[in-house]
Amino acid sequence: MNNEIREQNLKYYDTEASVYDSVRYSSAAGRRVEKFHQLVLERLLSECLLPGADILELGCGTGRLLESFLGREFSLNGIDI
């Protein structure tokens, strides 16, 4: 990918990121999805991961899901474009 296209992509996604979560999770359906994500994460935390576990989220977008792990004893890493 040439640098000009790369820069255009980065600019687009930086702009999109500023409204991404509010647009997708402010509706009733979005709030249901948010609640489902939180329930799945809580179950994962309580049943599958030990303190100190390394967490890598691929395609983390704005990092919204990783935020659920903040303040807990995990090593958090996320990657996206």
PDB file of N, CA and C in Angstrom:
ATOM      1  N   MET A   1       0.861  -1.169   0.000  1.00  0.00           N
ATOM      2  CA  MET A   1       0.000   0.000   0.000  1.00  0.00           C
ATOM      3  C   MET A   1       0.904   1.228   0.000  1.00  0.00           C
ATOM      4  N   ASN A   2       0.642   2.166  -0.907  1.00  0.00           N
ATOM      5  CA  ASN A   2       1.512   3.344  -0.916  1.00  0.00           C
ATOM      6  C   ASN A   2       1.168   4.273   0.242  1.00  0.00           C
ATOM      7  N   ASN A   3       2.076   5.162   0.545  1.00  0.00           N
ATOM      8  CA  ASN A   3       1.938   6.034   1.712  1.00  0.00           C
ATOM      9  C   ASN A   3       0.707   6.928   1.647  1.00  0.00           C
ATOM     10  N   GLU A   4       0.354   7.420   0.467  1.00  0.00           N
ATOM     11  CA  GLU A   4      -0.812   8.298   0.348  1.00  0.00           C
ATOM     12  C   GLU A   4      -2.097   7.562   0.716  1.00  0.00           C
ATOM     13  N   ILE A   5      -2.262   6.356   0.211  1.00  0.00           N
ATOM     14  CA  ILE A   5      -3.447   5.557   0.537  1.00  0.00           C
ATOM     15  C   ILE A   5      -3.451   5.206   2.020  1.00  0.00           C
ATOM     16  N   ARG A   6      -2.292   4.832   2.539  1.00  0.00           N
ATOM     17  CA  ARG A   6      -2.177   4.513   3.969  1.00  0.00           C
ATOM     18  C   ARG A   6      -2.606   5.710   4.823  1.00  0.00           C
ATOM     19  N   GLU A   7      -2.123   6.884   4.480  1.00  0.00           N
ATOM     20  CA  GLU A   7      -2.479   8.092   5.238  1.00  0.00           C
ATOM     21  C   GLU A   7      -3.973   8.396   5.141  1.00  0.00           C
ATOM     22  N   GLN A   8      -4.566   8.187   3.972  1.00  0.00           N
ATOM     23  CA  GLN A   8      -6.006   8.396   3.806  1.00  0.00           C
ATOM     24  C   GLN A   8      -6.787   7.422   4.679  1.00  0.00           C
ATOM     25  N   ASN A   9      -6.359   6.165   4.713  1.00  0.00           N
ATOM     26  CA  ASN A   9      -7.016   5.167   5.564  1.00  0.00           C
ATOM     27  C   ASN A   9      -6.915   5.539   7.032  1.00  0.00           C
ATOM     28  N   LEU A  10      -5.724   5.914   7.455  1.00  0.00           N
ATOM     29  CA  LEU A  10      -5.544   6.299   8.859  1.00  0.00           C
ATOM     30  C   LEU A  10      -6.408   7.497   9.227  1.00  0.00           C
ATOM     31  N   LYS A  11      -6.463   8.496   8.359  1.00  0.00           N
ATOM     32  CA  LYS A  11      -7.277   9.684   8.625  1.00  0.00           C
ATOM     33  C   LYS A  11      -8.759   9.302   8.730  1.00  0.00           C
ATOM     34  N   TYR A  12      -9.218   8.452   7.812  1.00  0.00           N
ATOM     35  CA  TYR A  12     -10.616   8.016   7.854  1.00  0.00           C
ATOM     36  C   TYR A  12     -10.928   7.319   9.172  1.00  0.00           C
ATOM     37  N   TYR A  13     -10.111   6.339   9.557  1.00  0.00           N
ATOM     38  CA  TYR A  13     -10.395   5.566  10.759  1.00  0.00           C
ATOM     39  C   TYR A  13     -10.197   6.380  12.035  1.00  0.00           C
ATOM     40  N   ASP A  14      -9.295   7.330  12.031  1.00  0.00           N
ATOM     41  CA  ASP A  14      -9.161   8.224  13.186  1.00  0.00           C
ATOM     42  C   ASP A  14     -10.430   9.048  13.363  1.00  0.00           C
ATOM     43  N   THR A  15     -10.991   9.528  12.258  1.00  0.00           N
ATOM     44  CA  THR A  15     -12.241  10.299  12.317  1.00  0.00           C
ATOM     45  C   THR A  15     -13.395   9.392  12.742  1.00  0.00           C
ATOM     46  N   GLU A  16     -13.477   8.226  12.138  1.00  0.00           N
ATOM     47  CA  GLU A  16     -14.541   7.259  12.453  1.00  0.00           C
ATOM     48  C   GLU A  16     -14.493   6.849  13.923  1.00  0.00           C
ATOM     49  N   ALA A  17     -13.303   6.673  14.463  1.00  0.00           N
ATOM     50  CA  ALA A  17     -13.154   6.224  15.848  1.00  0.00           C
ATOM     51  C   ALA A  17     -13.774   7.199  16.839  1.00  0.00           C
ATOM     52  N   SER A  18     -13.790   8.480  16.498  1.00  0.00           N
ATOM     53  CA  SER A  18     -14.323   9.475  17.433  1.00  0.00           C
ATOM     54  C   SER A  18     -15.833   9.325  17.656  1.00  0.00           C
ATOM     55  N   VAL A  19     -16.536   8.680  16.734  1.00  0.00           N
ATOM     56  CA  VAL A  19     -17.985   8.512  16.883  1.00  0.00           C
ATOM     57  C   VAL A  19     -18.418   7.046  16.844  1.00  0.00           C
ATOM     58  N   TYR A  20     -17.490   6.155  16.615  1.00  0.00           N
ATOM     59  CA  TYR A  20     -17.800   4.739  16.398  1.00  0.00           C
ATOM     60  C   TYR A  20     -18.666   4.147  17.507  1.00  0.00           C
ATOM     61  N   ASP A  21     -18.225   4.229  18.746  1.00  0.00           N
ATOM     62  CA  ASP A  21     -18.951   3.607  19.854  1.00  0.00           C
ATOM     63  C   ASP A  21     -20.311   4.253  20.073  1.00  0.00           C
ATOM     64  N   SER A  22     -20.365   5.581  20.041  1.00  0.00           N
ATOM     65  CA  SER A  22     -21.646   6.244  20.305  1.00  0.00           C
ATOM     66  C   SER A  22     -22.675   5.936  19.221  1.00  0.00           C
ATOM     67  N   VAL A  23     -22.259   5.836  17.989  1.00  0.00           N
ATOM     68  CA  VAL A  23     -23.186   5.535  16.893  1.00  0.00           C
ATOM     69  C   VAL A  23     -23.694   4.103  17.006  1.00  0.00           C
ATOM     70  N   ARG A  24     -22.824   3.172  17.327  1.00  0.00           N
ATOM     71  CA  ARG A  24     -23.202   1.763  17.329  1.00  0.00           C
ATOM     72  C   ARG A  24     -23.891   1.294  18.610  1.00  0.00           C
ATOM     73  N   TYR A  25     -23.653   1.947  19.703  1.00  0.00           N
ATOM     74  CA  TYR A  25     -24.166   1.435  20.972  1.00  0.00           C
ATOM     75  C   TYR A  25     -25.169   2.357  21.660  1.00  0.00           C
ATOM     76  N   SER A  26     -25.648   3.395  20.974  1.00  0.00           N
ATOM     77  CA  SER A  26     -26.617   4.294  21.600  1.00  0.00           C
ATOM     78  C   SER A  26     -28.066   3.877  21.357  1.00  0.00           C
ATOM     79  N   SER A  27     -28.311   3.026  20.379  1.00  0.00           N
ATOM     80  CA  SER A  27     -29.679   2.571  20.101  1.00  0.00           C
ATOM     81  C   SER A  27     -30.050   1.430  21.059  1.00  0.00           C
ATOM     82  N   ALA A  28     -31.321   1.059  21.069  1.00  0.00           N
ATOM     83  CA  ALA A  28     -31.764  -0.056  21.913  1.00  0.00           C
ATOM     84  C   ALA A  28     -31.042  -1.347  21.526  1.00  0.00           C
ATOM     85  N   ALA A  29     -30.918  -1.597  20.227  1.00  0.00           N
ATOM     86  CA  ALA A  29     -30.210  -2.802  19.777  1.00  0.00           C
ATOM     87  C   ALA A  29     -28.739  -2.737  20.177  1.00  0.00           C
ATOM     88  N   GLY A  30     -28.142  -1.586  20.027  1.00  0.00           N
ATOM     89  CA  GLY A  30     -26.747  -1.412  20.409  1.00  0.00           C
ATOM     90  C   GLY A  30     -26.524  -1.641  21.890  1.00  0.00           C
ATOM     91  N   ARG A  31     -27.468  -1.185  22.713  1.00  0.00           N
ATOM     92  CA  ARG A  31     -27.353  -1.400  24.171  1.00  0.00           C
ATOM     93  C   ARG A  31     -27.474  -2.883  24.513  1.00  0.00           C
ATOM     94  N   ARG A  32     -28.321  -3.618  23.770  1.00  0.00           N
ATOM     95  CA  ARG A  32     -28.414  -5.074  23.978  1.00  0.00           C
ATOM     96  C   ARG A  32     -27.103  -5.760  23.621  1.00  0.00           C
ATOM     97  N   VAL A  33     -26.503  -5.347  22.525  1.00  0.00           N
ATOM     98  CA  VAL A  33     -25.201  -5.906  22.120  1.00  0.00           C
ATOM     99  C   VAL A  33     -24.151  -5.593  23.183  1.00  0.00           C
ATOM    100  N   GLU A  34     -24.152  -4.365  23.659  1.00  0.00           N
ATOM    101  CA  GLU A  34     -23.205  -3.958  24.714  1.00  0.00           C
ATOM    102  C   GLU A  34     -23.381  -4.823  25.964  1.00  0.00           C
ATOM    103  N   LYS A  35     -24.616  -5.034  26.375  1.00  0.00           N
ATOM    104  CA  LYS A  35     -24.884  -5.857  27.561  1.00  0.00           C
ATOM    105  C   LYS A  35     -24.402  -7.293  27.342  1.00  0.00           C
ATOM    106  N   PHE A  36     -24.656  -7.837  26.155  1.00  0.00           N
ATOM    107  CA  PHE A  36     -24.201  -9.184  25.825  1.00  0.00           C
ATOM    108  C   PHE A  36     -22.676  -9.266  25.891  1.00  0.00           C
ATOM    109  N   HIS A  37     -22.006  -8.301  25.295  1.00  0.00           N
ATOM    110  CA  HIS A  37     -20.537  -8.291  25.338  1.00  0.00           C
ATOM    111  C   HIS A  37     -20.037  -8.279  26.783  1.00  0.00           C
ATOM    112  N   GLN A  38     -20.652  -7.474  27.609  1.00  0.00           N
ATOM    113  CA  GLN A  38     -20.221  -7.383  29.006  1.00  0.00           C
ATOM    114  C   GLN A  38     -20.456  -8.700  29.747  1.00  0.00           C
ATOM    115  N   LEU A  39     -21.586  -9.351  29.499  1.00  0.00           N
ATOM    116  CA  LEU A  39     -21.858 -10.641  30.141  1.00  0.00           C
ATOM    117  C   LEU A  39     -20.831 -11.695  29.726  1.00  0.00           C
ATOM    118  N   VAL A  40     -20.514 -11.738  28.436  1.00  0.00           N
ATOM    119  CA  VAL A  40     -19.518 -12.699  27.943  1.00  0.00           C
ATOM    120  C   VAL A  40     -18.157 -12.417  28.571  1.00  0.00           C
ATOM    121  N   LEU A  41     -17.778 -11.156  28.624  1.00  0.00           N
ATOM    122  CA  LEU A  41     -16.481 -10.803  29.210  1.00  0.00           C
ATOM    123  C   LEU A  41     -16.415 -11.144  30.693  1.00  0.00           C
ATOM    124  N   GLU A  42     -17.462 -10.869  31.414  1.00  0.00           N
ATOM    125  CA  GLU A  42     -17.468 -11.193  32.849  1.00  0.00           C
ATOM    126  C   GLU A  42     -17.336 -12.693  33.063  1.00  0.00           C
ATOM    127  N   ARG A  43     -18.022 -13.468  32.243  1.00  0.00           N
ATOM    128  CA  ARG A  43     -17.906 -14.927  32.366  1.00  0.00           C
ATOM    129  C   ARG A  43     -16.489 -15.383  32.049  1.00  0.00           C
ATOM    130  N   LEU A  44     -15.918 -14.824  31.012  1.00  0.00           N
ATOM    131  CA  LEU A  44     -14.544 -15.143  30.647  1.00  0.00           C
ATOM    132  C   LEU A  44     -13.596 -14.812  31.795  1.00  0.00           C
ATOM    133  N   LEU A  45     -13.777 -13.650  32.366  1.00  0.00           N
ATOM    134  CA  LEU A  45     -12.911 -13.226  33.470  1.00  0.00           C
ATOM    135  C   LEU A  45     -13.030 -14.138  34.676  1.00  0.00           C
ATOM    136  N   SER A  46     -14.253 -14.474  35.022  1.00  0.00           N
ATOM    137  CA  SER A  46     -14.464 -15.228  36.254  1.00  0.00           C
ATOM    138  C   SER A  46     -14.188 -16.726  36.108  1.00  0.00           C
ATOM    139  N   GLU A  47     -14.325 -17.264  34.889  1.00  0.00           N
ATOM    140  CA  GLU A  47     -14.215 -18.713  34.727  1.00  0.00           C
ATOM    141  C   GLU A  47     -12.981 -19.190  33.960  1.00  0.00           C
ATOM    142  N   CYS A  48     -12.396 -18.344  33.151  1.00  0.00           N
ATOM    143  CA  CYS A  48     -11.367 -18.836  32.228  1.00  0.00           C
ATOM    144  C   CYS A  48      -9.985 -18.227  32.392  1.00  0.00           C
ATOM    145  N   LEU A  49      -9.899 -17.049  32.935  1.00  0.00           N
ATOM    146  CA  LEU A  49      -8.610 -16.369  33.000  1.00  0.00           C
ATOM    147  C   LEU A  49      -8.102 -16.261  34.426  1.00  0.00           C
ATOM    148  N   LEU A  50      -6.839 -16.513  34.577  1.00  0.00           N
ATOM    149  CA  LEU A  50      -6.187 -16.349  35.875  1.00  0.00           C
ATOM    150  C   LEU A  50      -5.588 -14.950  35.959  1.00  0.00           C
ATOM    151  N   PRO A  51      -5.468 -14.400  37.161  1.00  0.00           N
ATOM    152  CA  PRO A  51      -4.799 -13.108  37.301  1.00  0.00           C
ATOM    153  C   PRO A  51      -3.417 -13.171  36.659  1.00  0.00           C
ATOM    154  N   GLY A  52      -3.048 -12.106  35.988  1.00  0.00           N
ATOM    155  CA  GLY A  52      -1.768 -12.054  35.305  1.00  0.00           C
ATOM    156  C   GLY A  52      -1.817 -12.549  33.868  1.00  0.00           C
ATOM    157  N   ALA A  53      -2.982 -13.021  33.422  1.00  0.00           N
ATOM    158  CA  ALA A  53      -3.113 -13.538  32.056  1.00  0.00           C
ATOM    159  C   ALA A  53      -2.841 -12.426  31.043  1.00  0.00           C
ATOM    160  N   ASP A  54      -2.278 -12.825  29.916  1.00  0.00           N
ATOM    161  CA  ASP A  54      -2.065 -11.912  28.797  1.00  0.00           C
ATOM    162  C   ASP A  54      -3.317 -11.919  27.928  1.00  0.00           C
ATOM    163  N   ILE A  55      -3.827 -10.735  27.623  1.00  0.00           N
ATOM    164  CA  ILE A  55      -5.005 -10.602  26.775  1.00  0.00           C
ATOM    165  C   ILE A  55      -4.606  -9.828  25.529  1.00  0.00           C
ATOM    166  N   LEU A  56      -4.885 -10.408  24.361  1.00  0.00           N
ATOM    167  CA  LEU A  56      -4.646  -9.746  23.086  1.00  0.00           C
ATOM    168  C   LEU A  56      -5.966  -9.724  22.334  1.00  0.00           C
ATOM    169  N   GLU A  57      -6.432  -8.536  22.025  1.00  0.00           N
ATOM    170  CA  GLU A  57      -7.640  -8.396  21.218  1.00  0.00           C
ATOM    171  C   GLU A  57      -7.224  -7.948  19.824  1.00  0.00           C
ATOM    172  N   LEU A  58      -7.493  -8.790  18.838  1.00  0.00           N
ATOM    173  CA  LEU A  58      -7.199  -8.459  17.444  1.00  0.00           C
ATOM    174  C   LEU A  58      -8.402  -7.733  16.863  1.00  0.00           C
ATOM    175  N   GLY A  59      -8.152  -6.634  16.178  1.00  0.00           N
ATOM    176  CA  GLY A  59      -9.257  -5.844  15.639  1.00  0.00           C
ATOM    177  C   GLY A  59      -9.995  -5.128  16.753  1.00  0.00           C
ATOM    178  N   CYS A  60      -9.257  -4.531  17.675  1.00  0.00           N
ATOM    179  CA  CYS A  60      -9.842  -3.956  18.890  1.00  0.00           C
ATOM    180  C   CYS A  60     -10.579  -2.643  18.668  1.00  0.00           C
ATOM    181  N   GLY A  61     -10.484  -2.079  17.470  1.00  0.00           N
ATOM    182  CA  GLY A  61     -11.201  -0.829  17.215  1.00  0.00           C
ATOM    183  C   GLY A  61     -10.795   0.245  18.206  1.00  0.00           C
ATOM    184  N   THR A  62     -11.759   0.786  18.900  1.00  0.00           N
ATOM    185  CA  THR A  62     -11.489   1.868  19.858  1.00  0.00           C
ATOM    186  C   THR A  62     -10.974   1.351  21.200  1.00  0.00           C
ATOM    187  N   GLY A  63     -10.946   0.060  21.377  1.00  0.00           N
ATOM    188  CA  GLY A  63     -10.490  -0.500  22.650  1.00  0.00           C
ATOM    189  C   GLY A  63     -11.597  -0.629  23.676  1.00  0.00           C
ATOM    190  N   ARG A  64     -12.829  -0.471  23.235  1.00  0.00           N
ATOM    191  CA  ARG A  64     -13.991  -0.500  24.128  1.00  0.00           C
ATOM    192  C   ARG A  64     -14.050  -1.779  24.960  1.00  0.00           C
ATOM    193  N   LEU A  65     -13.809  -2.925  24.330  1.00  0.00           N
ATOM    194  CA  LEU A  65     -13.891  -4.183  25.074  1.00  0.00           C
ATOM    195  C   LEU A  65     -12.705  -4.348  26.022  1.00  0.00           C
ATOM    196  N   LEU A  66     -11.529  -3.913  25.605  1.00  0.00           N
ATOM    197  CA  LEU A  66     -10.365  -3.997  26.491  1.00  0.00           C
ATOM    198  C   LEU A  66     -10.561  -3.157  27.753  1.00  0.00           C
ATOM    199  N   GLU A  67     -11.299  -2.063  27.625  1.00  0.00           N
ATOM    200  CA  GLU A  67     -11.565  -1.219  28.790  1.00  0.00           C
ATOM    201  C   GLU A  67     -12.234  -2.003  29.918  1.00  0.00           C
ATOM    202  N   SER A  68     -12.982  -3.037  29.562  1.00  0.00           N
ATOM    203  CA  SER A  68     -13.649  -3.859  30.573  1.00  0.00           C
ATOM    204  C   SER A  68     -12.656  -4.561  31.487  1.00  0.00           C
ATOM    205  N   PHE A  69     -11.432  -4.714  31.020  1.00  0.00           N
ATOM    206  CA  PHE A  69     -10.414  -5.411  31.796  1.00  0.00           C
ATOM    207  C   PHE A  69      -9.537  -4.460  32.622  1.00  0.00           C
ATOM    208  N   LEU A  70      -9.699  -3.154  32.435  1.00  0.00           N
ATOM    209  CA  LEU A  70      -8.882  -2.195  33.172  1.00  0.00           C
ATOM    210  C   LEU A  70      -9.107  -2.340  34.677  1.00  0.00           C
ATOM    211  N   GLY A  71      -8.040  -2.179  35.424  1.00  0.00           N
ATOM    212  CA  GLY A  71      -8.135  -2.277  36.874  1.00  0.00           C
ATOM    213  C   GLY A  71      -8.076  -3.702  37.383  1.00  0.00           C
ATOM    214  N   ARG A  72      -7.945  -4.658  36.497  1.00  0.00           N
ATOM    215  CA  ARG A  72      -7.811  -6.057  36.893  1.00  0.00           C
ATOM    216  C   ARG A  72      -6.390  -6.501  36.586  1.00  0.00           C
ATOM    217  N   GLU A  73      -6.010  -7.616  37.121  1.00  0.00           N
ATOM    218  CA  GLU A  73      -4.628  -8.060  37.011  1.00  0.00           C
ATOM    219  C   GLU A  73      -4.356  -8.795  35.701  1.00  0.00           C
ATOM    220  N   PHE A  74      -4.441  -8.072  34.587  1.00  0.00           N
ATOM    221  CA  PHE A  74      -4.171  -8.657  33.287  1.00  0.00           C
ATOM    222  C   PHE A  74      -3.202  -7.767  32.521  1.00  0.00           C
ATOM    223  N   SER A  75      -2.501  -8.387  31.578  1.00  0.00           N
ATOM    224  CA  SER A  75      -1.663  -7.640  30.646  1.00  0.00           C
ATOM    225  C   SER A  75      -2.495  -7.437  29.392  1.00  0.00           C
ATOM    226  N   LEU A  76      -2.845  -6.174  29.093  1.00  0.00           N
ATOM    227  CA  LEU A  76      -3.758  -5.856  28.000  1.00  0.00           C
ATOM    228  C   LEU A  76      -3.017  -5.363  26.773  1.00  0.00           C
ATOM    229  N   ASN A  77      -3.382  -5.904  25.621  1.00  0.00           N
ATOM    230  CA  ASN A  77      -2.822  -5.472  24.353  1.00  0.00           C
ATOM    231  C   ASN A  77      -3.914  -5.547  23.301  1.00  0.00           C
ATOM    232  N   GLY A  78      -3.963  -4.554  22.450  1.00  0.00           N
ATOM    233  CA  GLY A  78      -4.913  -4.553  21.352  1.00  0.00           C
ATOM    234  C   GLY A  78      -4.252  -4.033  20.096  1.00  0.00           C
ATOM    235  N   ILE A  79      -4.730  -4.524  18.972  1.00  0.00           N
ATOM    236  CA  ILE A  79      -4.180  -4.083  17.696  1.00  0.00           C
ATOM    237  C   ILE A  79      -5.310  -3.922  16.691  1.00  0.00           C
ATOM    238  N   ASP A  80      -5.203  -2.873  15.914  1.00  0.00           N
ATOM    239  CA  ASP A  80      -6.148  -2.603  14.840  1.00  0.00           C
ATOM    240  C   ASP A  80      -5.403  -1.742  13.822  1.00  0.00           C
ATOM    241  N   ILE A  81      -6.072  -1.422  12.741  1.00  0.00           N
ATOM    242  CA  ILE A  81      -5.419  -0.616  11.717  1.00  0.00           C
ATOM    243  C   ILE A  81      -4.930   0.679  12.315  1.00  0.00           C
TER     244      ILE A  81
END
